[in-house]
mmCIF file of all heavy atoms, coordinates in Angstrom:
data_MODEL
# 
_entry.id   MODEL 
# 
loop_
_atom_site.group_PDB 
_atom_site.id 
_atom_site.type_symbol 
_atom_site.label_atom_id 
_atom_site.label_alt_id 
_atom_site.label_comp_id 
_atom_site.label_asym_id 
_atom_site.label_entity_id 
_atom_site.label_seq_id 
_atom_site.pdbx_PDB_ins_code 
_atom_site.Cartn_x 
_atom_site.Cartn_y 
_atom_site.Cartn_z 
_atom_site.occupancy 
_atom_site.B_iso_or_equiv 
_atom_site.pdbx_formal_charge 
_atom_site.auth_seq_id 
_atom_site.auth_comp_id 
_atom_site.auth_asym_id 
_atom_site.auth_atom_id 
_atom_site.pdbx_PDB_model_num 
ATOM 1   N N   . THR A 1 1  ? 35.377 45.467 20.241  1.00 0.00 ? 1  THR A N   1 
ATOM 2   C CA  . THR A 1 1  ? 36.259 44.310 20.168  1.00 0.00 ? 1  THR A CA  1 
ATOM 3   C C   . THR A 1 1  ? 35.548 43.111 19.580  1.00 0.00 ? 1  THR A C   1 
ATOM 4   O O   . THR A 1 1  ? 36.191 42.167 19.145  1.00 0.00 ? 1  THR A O   1 
ATOM 5   C CB  . THR A 1 1  ? 36.783 43.948 21.574  1.00 0.00 ? 1  THR A CB  1 
ATOM 6   O OG1 . THR A 1 1  ? 35.679 43.694 22.414  1.00 0.00 ? 1  THR A OG1 1 
ATOM 7   C CG2 . THR A 1 1  ? 37.632 45.069 22.134  1.00 0.00 ? 1  THR A CG2 1 
ATOM 8   N N   . PHE A 1 2  ? 34.217 43.159 19.546  1.00 0.00 ? 2  PHE A N   1 
ATOM 9   C CA  . PHE A 1 2  ? 33.449 42.031 19.011  1.00 0.00 ? 2  PHE A CA  1 
ATOM 10  C C   . PHE A 1 2  ? 33.228 42.235 17.525  1.00 0.00 ? 2  PHE A C   1 
ATOM 11  O O   . PHE A 1 2  ? 32.609 43.199 17.105  1.00 0.00 ? 2  PHE A O   1 
ATOM 12  C CB  . PHE A 1 2  ? 32.099 41.920 19.741  1.00 0.00 ? 2  PHE A CB  1 
ATOM 13  C CG  . PHE A 1 2  ? 31.251 40.804 19.236  1.00 0.00 ? 2  PHE A CG  1 
ATOM 14  C CD1 . PHE A 1 2  ? 31.552 39.493 19.558  1.00 0.00 ? 2  PHE A CD1 1 
ATOM 15  C CD2 . PHE A 1 2  ? 30.150 41.046 18.427  1.00 0.00 ? 2  PHE A CD2 1 
ATOM 16  C CE1 . PHE A 1 2  ? 30.770 38.464 19.095  1.00 0.00 ? 2  PHE A CE1 1 
ATOM 17  C CE2 . PHE A 1 2  ? 29.353 40.012 17.967  1.00 0.00 ? 2  PHE A CE2 1 
ATOM 18  C CZ  . PHE A 1 2  ? 29.683 38.715 18.311  1.00 0.00 ? 2  PHE A CZ  1 
ATOM 19  N N   . SER A 1 3  ? 33.721 41.357 16.713  1.00 0.00 ? 3  SER A N   1 
ATOM 20  C CA  . SER A 1 3  ? 33.500 41.438 15.264  1.00 0.00 ? 3  SER A CA  1 
ATOM 21  C C   . SER A 1 3  ? 33.210 40.035 14.760  1.00 0.00 ? 3  SER A C   1 
ATOM 22  O O   . SER A 1 3  ? 34.134 39.225 14.605  1.00 0.00 ? 3  SER A O   1 
ATOM 23  C CB  . SER A 1 3  ? 34.700 42.054 14.563  1.00 0.00 ? 3  SER A CB  1 
ATOM 24  O OG  . SER A 1 3  ? 35.840 41.271 14.809  1.00 0.00 ? 3  SER A OG  1 
ATOM 25  N N   . PRO A 1 4  ? 31.913 39.735 14.527  1.00 0.00 ? 4  PRO A N   1 
ATOM 26  C CA  . PRO A 1 4  ? 31.571 38.387 14.073  1.00 0.00 ? 4  PRO A CA  1 
ATOM 27  C C   . PRO A 1 4  ? 32.009 38.169 12.631  1.00 0.00 ? 4  PRO A C   1 
ATOM 28  O O   . PRO A 1 4  ? 32.151 39.112 11.849  1.00 0.00 ? 4  PRO A O   1 
ATOM 29  C CB  . PRO A 1 4  ? 30.065 38.342 14.207  1.00 0.00 ? 4  PRO A CB  1 
ATOM 30  C CG  . PRO A 1 4  ? 29.640 39.751 14.079  1.00 0.00 ? 4  PRO A CG  1 
ATOM 31  C CD  . PRO A 1 4  ? 30.750 40.580 14.676  1.00 0.00 ? 4  PRO A CD  1 
ATOM 32  N N   . LYS A 1 5  ? 32.220 36.927 12.311  1.00 0.00 ? 5  LYS A N   1 
ATOM 33  C CA  . LYS A 1 5  ? 32.602 36.579 10.945  1.00 0.00 ? 5  LYS A CA  1 
ATOM 34  C C   . LYS A 1 5  ? 31.372 36.651 10.048  1.00 0.00 ? 5  LYS A C   1 
ATOM 35  O O   . LYS A 1 5  ? 30.266 36.362 10.469  1.00 0.00 ? 5  LYS A O   1 
ATOM 36  C CB  . LYS A 1 5  ? 33.191 35.175 10.901  1.00 0.00 ? 5  LYS A CB  1 
ATOM 37  C CG  . LYS A 1 5  ? 34.489 35.040 11.637  1.00 0.00 ? 5  LYS A CG  1 
ATOM 38  C CD  . LYS A 1 5  ? 35.001 33.622 11.517  1.00 0.00 ? 5  LYS A CD  1 
ATOM 39  C CE  . LYS A 1 5  ? 36.289 33.463 12.276  1.00 0.00 ? 5  LYS A CE  1 
ATOM 40  N NZ  . LYS A 1 5  ? 36.790 32.086 12.219  1.00 0.00 ? 5  LYS A NZ  1 
ATOM 41  N N   . LYS A 1 6  ? 31.589 37.044 8.808   1.00 0.00 ? 6  LYS A N   1 
ATOM 42  C CA  . LYS A 1 6  ? 30.488 37.086 7.852   1.00 0.00 ? 6  LYS A CA  1 
ATOM 43  C C   . LYS A 1 6  ? 30.132 35.668 7.447   1.00 0.00 ? 6  LYS A C   1 
ATOM 44  O O   . LYS A 1 6  ? 31.000 34.815 7.285   1.00 0.00 ? 6  LYS A O   1 
ATOM 45  C CB  . LYS A 1 6  ? 30.877 37.878 6.622   1.00 0.00 ? 6  LYS A CB  1 
ATOM 46  C CG  . LYS A 1 6  ? 30.942 39.356 6.862   1.00 0.00 ? 6  LYS A CG  1 
ATOM 47  C CD  . LYS A 1 6  ? 31.123 40.086 5.550   1.00 0.00 ? 6  LYS A CD  1 
ATOM 48  C CE  . LYS A 1 6  ? 31.023 41.570 5.761   1.00 0.00 ? 6  LYS A CE  1 
ATOM 49  N NZ  . LYS A 1 6  ? 31.161 42.290 4.500   1.00 0.00 ? 6  LYS A NZ  1 
ATOM 50  N N   . THR A 1 7  ? 28.808 35.449 7.272   1.00 0.00 ? 7  THR A N   1 
ATOM 51  C CA  . THR A 1 7  ? 28.351 34.133 6.832   1.00 0.00 ? 7  THR A CA  1 
ATOM 52  C C   . THR A 1 7  ? 28.550 34.023 5.330   1.00 0.00 ? 7  THR A C   1 
ATOM 53  O O   . THR A 1 7  ? 28.356 34.994 4.593   1.00 0.00 ? 7  THR A O   1 
ATOM 54  C CB  . THR A 1 7  ? 26.876 33.914 7.181   1.00 0.00 ? 7  THR A CB  1 
ATOM 55  O OG1 . THR A 1 7  ? 26.120 34.935 6.584   1.00 0.00 ? 7  THR A OG1 1 
ATOM 56  C CG2 . THR A 1 7  ? 26.655 33.922 8.673   1.00 0.00 ? 7  THR A CG2 1 
ATOM 57  N N   . PRO A 1 8  ? 28.889 32.853 4.865   1.00 0.00 ? 8  PRO A N   1 
ATOM 58  C CA  . PRO A 1 8  ? 29.080 32.700 3.419   1.00 0.00 ? 8  PRO A CA  1 
ATOM 59  C C   . PRO A 1 8  ? 27.727 32.747 2.703   1.00 0.00 ? 8  PRO A C   1 
ATOM 60  O O   . PRO A 1 8  ? 26.704 32.335 3.250   1.00 0.00 ? 8  PRO A O   1 
ATOM 61  C CB  . PRO A 1 8  ? 29.722 31.326 3.284   1.00 0.00 ? 8  PRO A CB  1 
ATOM 62  C CG  . PRO A 1 8  ? 29.368 30.611 4.532   1.00 0.00 ? 8  PRO A CG  1 
ATOM 63  C CD  . PRO A 1 8  ? 29.210 31.644 5.603   1.00 0.00 ? 8  PRO A CD  1 
ATOM 64  N N   . PRO A 1 9  ? 27.648 33.293 1.500   1.00 0.00 ? 9  PRO A N   1 
ATOM 65  C CA  . PRO A 1 9  ? 26.374 33.364 0.766   1.00 0.00 ? 9  PRO A CA  1 
ATOM 66  C C   . PRO A 1 9  ? 25.887 31.973 0.383   1.00 0.00 ? 9  PRO A C   1 
ATOM 67  O O   . PRO A 1 9  ? 26.674 31.062 0.174   1.00 0.00 ? 9  PRO A O   1 
ATOM 68  C CB  . PRO A 1 9  ? 26.708 34.186 -0.468  1.00 0.00 ? 9  PRO A CB  1 
ATOM 69  C CG  . PRO A 1 9  ? 28.175 34.064 -0.625  1.00 0.00 ? 9  PRO A CG  1 
ATOM 70  C CD  . PRO A 1 9  ? 28.747 33.853 0.747   1.00 0.00 ? 9  PRO A CD  1 
ATOM 71  N N   . ARG A 1 10 ? 24.551 31.860 0.306   1.00 0.00 ? 10 ARG A N   1 
ATOM 72  C CA  . ARG A 1 10 ? 23.949 30.584 -0.089  1.00 0.00 ? 10 ARG A CA  1 
ATOM 73  C C   . ARG A 1 10 ? 24.181 30.341 -1.562  1.00 0.00 ? 10 ARG A C   1 
ATOM 74  O O   . ARG A 1 10 ? 24.199 31.278 -2.367  1.00 0.00 ? 10 ARG A O   1 
ATOM 75  C CB  . ARG A 1 10 ? 22.446 30.594 0.181   1.00 0.00 ? 10 ARG A CB  1 
ATOM 76  C CG  . ARG A 1 10 ? 22.105 30.510 1.618   1.00 0.00 ? 10 ARG A CG  1 
ATOM 77  C CD  . ARG A 1 10 ? 20.600 30.405 1.739   1.00 0.00 ? 10 ARG A CD  1 
ATOM 78  N NE  . ARG A 1 10 ? 20.230 30.034 3.084   1.00 0.00 ? 10 ARG A NE  1 
ATOM 79  C CZ  . ARG A 1 10 ? 19.002 29.880 3.487   1.00 0.00 ? 10 ARG A CZ  1 
ATOM 80  N NH1 . ARG A 1 10 ? 18.013 30.054 2.638   1.00 0.00 ? 10 ARG A NH1 1 
ATOM 81  N NH2 . ARG A 1 10 ? 18.741 29.537 4.721   1.00 0.00 ? 10 ARG A NH2 1 
ATOM 82  N N   . LYS A 1 11 ? 24.269 29.082 -1.889  1.00 0.00 ? 11 LYS A N   1 
ATOM 83  C CA  . LYS A 1 11 ? 24.459 28.734 -3.292  1.00 0.00 ? 11 LYS A CA  1 
ATOM 84  C C   . LYS A 1 11 ? 23.131 28.792 -4.047  1.00 0.00 ? 11 LYS A C   1 
ATOM 85  O O   . LYS A 1 11 ? 23.065 29.251 -5.175  1.00 0.00 ? 11 LYS A O   1 
ATOM 86  C CB  . LYS A 1 11 ? 25.091 27.355 -3.417  1.00 0.00 ? 11 LYS A CB  1 
ATOM 87  C CG  . LYS A 1 11 ? 26.505 27.306 -2.898  1.00 0.00 ? 11 LYS A CG  1 
ATOM 88  C CD  . LYS A 1 11 ? 27.100 25.948 -3.053  1.00 0.00 ? 11 LYS A CD  1 
ATOM 89  C CE  . LYS A 1 11 ? 28.517 25.939 -2.505  1.00 0.00 ? 11 LYS A CE  1 
ATOM 90  N NZ  . LYS A 1 11 ? 29.120 24.620 -2.593  1.00 0.00 ? 11 LYS A NZ  1 
ATOM 91  N N   . PHE A 1 12 ? 22.039 28.327 -3.413  1.00 0.00 ? 12 PHE A N   1 
ATOM 92  C CA  . PHE A 1 12 ? 20.723 28.329 -4.036  1.00 0.00 ? 12 PHE A CA  1 
ATOM 93  C C   . PHE A 1 12 ? 19.757 29.060 -3.112  1.00 0.00 ? 12 PHE A C   1 
ATOM 94  O O   . PHE A 1 12 ? 19.834 28.933 -1.894  1.00 0.00 ? 12 PHE A O   1 
ATOM 95  C CB  . PHE A 1 12 ? 20.222 26.903 -4.274  1.00 0.00 ? 12 PHE A CB  1 
ATOM 96  C CG  . PHE A 1 12 ? 21.046 26.153 -5.280  1.00 0.00 ? 12 PHE A CG  1 
ATOM 97  C CD1 . PHE A 1 12 ? 21.929 25.170 -4.876  1.00 0.00 ? 12 PHE A CD1 1 
ATOM 98  C CD2 . PHE A 1 12 ? 20.925 26.425 -6.635  1.00 0.00 ? 12 PHE A CD2 1 
ATOM 99  C CE1 . PHE A 1 12 ? 22.680 24.485 -5.799  1.00 0.00 ? 12 PHE A CE1 1 
ATOM 100 C CE2 . PHE A 1 12 ? 21.681 25.742 -7.554  1.00 0.00 ? 12 PHE A CE2 1 
ATOM 101 C CZ  . PHE A 1 12 ? 22.567 24.760 -7.147  1.00 0.00 ? 12 PHE A CZ  1 
ATOM 102 N N   . ALA A 1 13 ? 18.809 29.786 -3.699  1.00 0.00 ? 13 ALA A N   1 
ATOM 103 C CA  . ALA A 1 13 ? 17.819 30.493 -2.900  1.00 0.00 ? 13 ALA A CA  1 
ATOM 104 C C   . ALA A 1 13 ? 16.882 29.515 -2.224  1.00 0.00 ? 13 ALA A C   1 
ATOM 105 O O   . ALA A 1 13 ? 16.430 29.733 -1.118  1.00 0.00 ? 13 ALA A O   1 
ATOM 106 C CB  . ALA A 1 13 ? 17.027 31.456 -3.770  1.00 0.00 ? 13 ALA A CB  1 
ATOM 107 N N   . SER A 1 14 ? 16.607 28.406 -2.869  1.00 0.00 ? 14 SER A N   1 
ATOM 108 C CA  . SER A 1 14 ? 15.716 27.403 -2.302  1.00 0.00 ? 14 SER A CA  1 
ATOM 109 C C   . SER A 1 14 ? 16.308 26.031 -2.545  1.00 0.00 ? 14 SER A C   1 
ATOM 110 O O   . SER A 1 14 ? 16.857 25.754 -3.612  1.00 0.00 ? 14 SER A O   1 
ATOM 111 C CB  . SER A 1 14 ? 14.338 27.505 -2.949  1.00 0.00 ? 14 SER A CB  1 
ATOM 112 O OG  . SER A 1 14 ? 13.523 26.450 -2.497  1.00 0.00 ? 14 SER A OG  1 
ATOM 113 N N   . LEU A 1 15 ? 16.199 25.175 -1.545  1.00 0.00 ? 15 LEU A N   1 
ATOM 114 C CA  . LEU A 1 15 ? 16.690 23.814 -1.704  1.00 0.00 ? 15 LEU A CA  1 
ATOM 115 C C   . LEU A 1 15 ? 15.640 22.921 -2.359  1.00 0.00 ? 15 LEU A C   1 
ATOM 116 O O   . LEU A 1 15 ? 15.927 21.801 -2.735  1.00 0.00 ? 15 LEU A O   1 
ATOM 117 C CB  . LEU A 1 15 ? 17.084 23.247 -0.338  1.00 0.00 ? 15 LEU A CB  1 
ATOM 118 C CG  . LEU A 1 15 ? 18.239 23.984 0.350   1.00 0.00 ? 15 LEU A CG  1 
ATOM 119 C CD1 . LEU A 1 15 ? 18.473 23.399 1.734   1.00 0.00 ? 15 LEU A CD1 1 
ATOM 120 C CD2 . LEU A 1 15 ? 19.498 23.941 -0.475  1.00 0.00 ? 15 LEU A CD2 1 
ATOM 121 N N   . SER A 1 16 ? 14.414 23.432 -2.480  1.00 0.00 ? 16 SER A N   1 
ATOM 122 C CA  . SER A 1 16 ? 13.341 22.668 -3.093  1.00 0.00 ? 16 SER A CA  1 
ATOM 123 C C   . SER A 1 16 ? 13.421 22.775 -4.613  1.00 0.00 ? 16 SER A C   1 
ATOM 124 O O   . SER A 1 16 ? 13.789 23.804 -5.158  1.00 0.00 ? 16 SER A O   1 
ATOM 125 C CB  . SER A 1 16 ? 11.990 23.198 -2.617  1.00 0.00 ? 16 SER A CB  1 
ATOM 126 O OG  . SER A 1 16 ? 10.964 22.596 -3.326  1.00 0.00 ? 16 SER A OG  1 
ATOM 127 N N   . ASN A 1 17 ? 13.063 21.713 -5.277  1.00 0.00 ? 17 ASN A N   1 
ATOM 128 C CA  . ASN A 1 17 ? 13.067 21.756 -6.736  1.00 0.00 ? 17 ASN A CA  1 
ATOM 129 C C   . ASN A 1 17 ? 11.705 22.136 -7.297  1.00 0.00 ? 17 ASN A C   1 
ATOM 130 O O   . ASN A 1 17 ? 11.497 22.070 -8.504  1.00 0.00 ? 17 ASN A O   1 
ATOM 131 C CB  . ASN A 1 17 ? 13.542 20.425 -7.310  1.00 0.00 ? 17 ASN A CB  1 
ATOM 132 C CG  . ASN A 1 17 ? 12.627 19.279 -6.928  1.00 0.00 ? 17 ASN A CG  1 
ATOM 133 O OD1 . ASN A 1 17 ? 11.664 19.482 -6.204  1.00 0.00 ? 17 ASN A OD1 1 
ATOM 134 N ND2 . ASN A 1 17 ? 12.928 18.091 -7.419  1.00 0.00 ? 17 ASN A ND2 1 
ATOM 135 N N   . LEU A 1 18 ? 10.762 22.555 -6.425  1.00 0.00 ? 18 LEU A N   1 
ATOM 136 C CA  . LEU A 1 18 ? 9.424  22.943 -6.898  1.00 0.00 ? 18 LEU A CA  1 
ATOM 137 C C   . LEU A 1 18 ? 9.472  24.203 -7.753  1.00 0.00 ? 18 LEU A C   1 
ATOM 138 O O   . LEU A 1 18 ? 8.671  24.369 -8.661  1.00 0.00 ? 18 LEU A O   1 
ATOM 139 C CB  . LEU A 1 18 ? 8.478  23.151 -5.719  1.00 0.00 ? 18 LEU A CB  1 
ATOM 140 C CG  . LEU A 1 18 ? 8.110  21.907 -4.920  1.00 0.00 ? 18 LEU A CG  1 
ATOM 141 C CD1 . LEU A 1 18 ? 7.213  22.285 -3.761  1.00 0.00 ? 18 LEU A CD1 1 
ATOM 142 C CD2 . LEU A 1 18 ? 7.423  20.894 -5.812  1.00 0.00 ? 18 LEU A CD2 1 
ATOM 143 N N   . ASN A 1 19 ? 10.421 25.091 -7.449  1.00 0.00 ? 19 ASN A N   1 
ATOM 144 C CA  . ASN A 1 19 ? 10.468 26.324 -8.225  1.00 0.00 ? 19 ASN A CA  1 
ATOM 145 C C   . ASN A 1 19 ? 11.005 26.078 -9.636  1.00 0.00 ? 19 ASN A C   1 
ATOM 146 O O   . ASN A 1 19 ? 10.869 26.929 -10.497 1.00 0.00 ? 19 ASN A O   1 
ATOM 147 C CB  . ASN A 1 19 ? 11.303 27.380 -7.516  1.00 0.00 ? 19 ASN A CB  1 
ATOM 148 C CG  . ASN A 1 19 ? 12.734 26.920 -7.298  1.00 0.00 ? 19 ASN A CG  1 
ATOM 149 O OD1 . ASN A 1 19 ? 13.052 25.747 -7.458  1.00 0.00 ? 19 ASN A OD1 1 
ATOM 150 N ND2 . ASN A 1 19 ? 13.590 27.850 -6.904  1.00 0.00 ? 19 ASN A ND2 1 
ATOM 151 N N   . LEU A 1 20 ? 11.596 24.931 -9.859  1.00 0.00 ? 20 LEU A N   1 
ATOM 152 C CA  . LEU A 1 20 ? 12.102 24.613 -11.189 1.00 0.00 ? 20 LEU A CA  1 
ATOM 153 C C   . LEU A 1 20 ? 11.016 24.037 -12.098 1.00 0.00 ? 20 LEU A C   1 
ATOM 154 O O   . LEU A 1 20 ? 11.171 24.006 -13.309 1.00 0.00 ? 20 LEU A O   1 
ATOM 155 C CB  . LEU A 1 20 ? 13.272 23.622 -11.098 1.00 0.00 ? 20 LEU A CB  1 
ATOM 156 C CG  . LEU A 1 20 ? 14.470 24.096 -10.255 1.00 0.00 ? 20 LEU A CG  1 
ATOM 157 C CD1 . LEU A 1 20 ? 15.498 22.986 -10.143 1.00 0.00 ? 20 LEU A CD1 1 
ATOM 158 C CD2 . LEU A 1 20 ? 15.073 25.352 -10.852 1.00 0.00 ? 20 LEU A CD2 1 
ATOM 159 N N   . LEU A 1 21 ? 9.913  23.582 -11.494 1.00 0.00 ? 21 LEU A N   1 
ATOM 160 C CA  . LEU A 1 21 ? 8.829  22.971 -12.271 1.00 0.00 ? 21 LEU A CA  1 
ATOM 161 C C   . LEU A 1 21 ? 7.860  24.042 -12.759 1.00 0.00 ? 21 LEU A C   1 
ATOM 162 O O   . LEU A 1 21 ? 7.619  25.037 -12.081 1.00 0.00 ? 21 LEU A O   1 
ATOM 163 C CB  . LEU A 1 21 ? 8.069  21.961 -11.408 1.00 0.00 ? 21 LEU A CB  1 
ATOM 164 C CG  . LEU A 1 21 ? 8.879  20.792 -10.844 1.00 0.00 ? 21 LEU A CG  1 
ATOM 165 C CD1 . LEU A 1 21 ? 8.000  19.964 -9.928  1.00 0.00 ? 21 LEU A CD1 1 
ATOM 166 C CD2 . LEU A 1 21 ? 9.432  19.933 -11.963 1.00 0.00 ? 21 LEU A CD2 1 
ATOM 167 N N   . ASP A 1 22 ? 7.274  23.829 -13.905 1.00 0.00 ? 22 ASP A N   1 
ATOM 168 C CA  . ASP A 1 22 ? 6.254  24.753 -14.382 1.00 0.00 ? 22 ASP A CA  1 
ATOM 169 C C   . ASP A 1 22 ? 4.921  24.431 -13.694 1.00 0.00 ? 22 ASP A C   1 
ATOM 170 O O   . ASP A 1 22 ? 4.780  23.417 -13.018 1.00 0.00 ? 22 ASP A O   1 
ATOM 171 C CB  . ASP A 1 22 ? 6.125  24.695 -15.908 1.00 0.00 ? 22 ASP A CB  1 
ATOM 172 C CG  . ASP A 1 22 ? 5.682  23.334 -16.386 1.00 0.00 ? 22 ASP A CG  1 
ATOM 173 O OD1 . ASP A 1 22 ? 6.492  22.384 -16.327 1.00 0.00 ? 22 ASP A OD1 1 
ATOM 174 O OD2 . ASP A 1 22 ? 4.527  23.239 -16.816 1.00 0.00 ? 22 ASP A OD2 1 
ATOM 175 N N   . ARG A 1 23 ? 3.943  25.293 -13.873 1.00 0.00 ? 23 ARG A N   1 
ATOM 176 C CA  . ARG A 1 23 ? 2.673  25.176 -13.153 1.00 0.00 ? 23 ARG A CA  1 
ATOM 177 C C   . ARG A 1 23 ? 1.958  23.851 -13.435 1.00 0.00 ? 23 ARG A C   1 
ATOM 178 O O   . ARG A 1 23 ? 1.455  23.212 -12.522 1.00 0.00 ? 23 ARG A O   1 
ATOM 179 C CB  . ARG A 1 23 ? 1.761  26.345 -13.528 1.00 0.00 ? 23 ARG A CB  1 
ATOM 180 C CG  . ARG A 1 23 ? 0.444  26.300 -12.811 1.00 0.00 ? 23 ARG A CG  1 
ATOM 181 C CD  . ARG A 1 23 ? -0.445 27.449 -13.207 1.00 0.00 ? 23 ARG A CD  1 
ATOM 182 N NE  . ARG A 1 23 ? -1.769 27.229 -12.658 1.00 0.00 ? 23 ARG A NE  1 
ATOM 183 C CZ  . ARG A 1 23 ? -2.502 28.170 -12.118 1.00 0.00 ? 23 ARG A CZ  1 
ATOM 184 N NH1 . ARG A 1 23 ? -2.076 29.383 -12.051 1.00 0.00 ? 23 ARG A NH1 1 
ATOM 185 N NH2 . ARG A 1 23 ? -3.693 27.883 -11.653 1.00 0.00 ? 23 ARG A NH2 1 
ATOM 186 N N   . SER A 1 24 ? 1.876  23.444 -14.681 1.00 0.00 ? 24 SER A N   1 
ATOM 187 C CA  . SER A 1 24 ? 1.138  22.214 -15.002 1.00 0.00 ? 24 SER A CA  1 
ATOM 188 C C   . SER A 1 24 ? 1.809  21.000 -14.368 1.00 0.00 ? 24 SER A C   1 
ATOM 189 O O   . SER A 1 24 ? 1.134  20.099 -13.869 1.00 0.00 ? 24 SER A O   1 
ATOM 190 C CB  . SER A 1 24 ? 1.016  22.046 -16.514 1.00 0.00 ? 24 SER A CB  1 
ATOM 191 O OG  . SER A 1 24 ? 2.306  21.943 -17.096 1.00 0.00 ? 24 SER A OG  1 
ATOM 192 N N   . THR A 1 25 ? 3.132  20.970 -14.340 1.00 0.00 ? 25 THR A N   1 
ATOM 193 C CA  . THR A 1 25 ? 3.841  19.847 -13.725 1.00 0.00 ? 25 THR A CA  1 
ATOM 194 C C   . THR A 1 25 ? 3.609  19.844 -12.225 1.00 0.00 ? 25 THR A C   1 
ATOM 195 O O   . THR A 1 25 ? 3.409  18.781 -11.624 1.00 0.00 ? 25 THR A O   1 
ATOM 196 C CB  . THR A 1 25 ? 5.349  19.930 -14.033 1.00 0.00 ? 25 THR A CB  1 
ATOM 197 O OG1 . THR A 1 25 ? 5.536  20.109 -15.429 1.00 0.00 ? 25 THR A OG1 1 
ATOM 198 C CG2 . THR A 1 25 ? 6.068  18.688 -13.578 1.00 0.00 ? 25 THR A CG2 1 
# 
């Protein structure tokens, strides 16, 4: 009788913008 609702998928894998920067930056 227990059926939890599915969580919605995340829009971004990371909220940090560090992964968008290249190594030198």
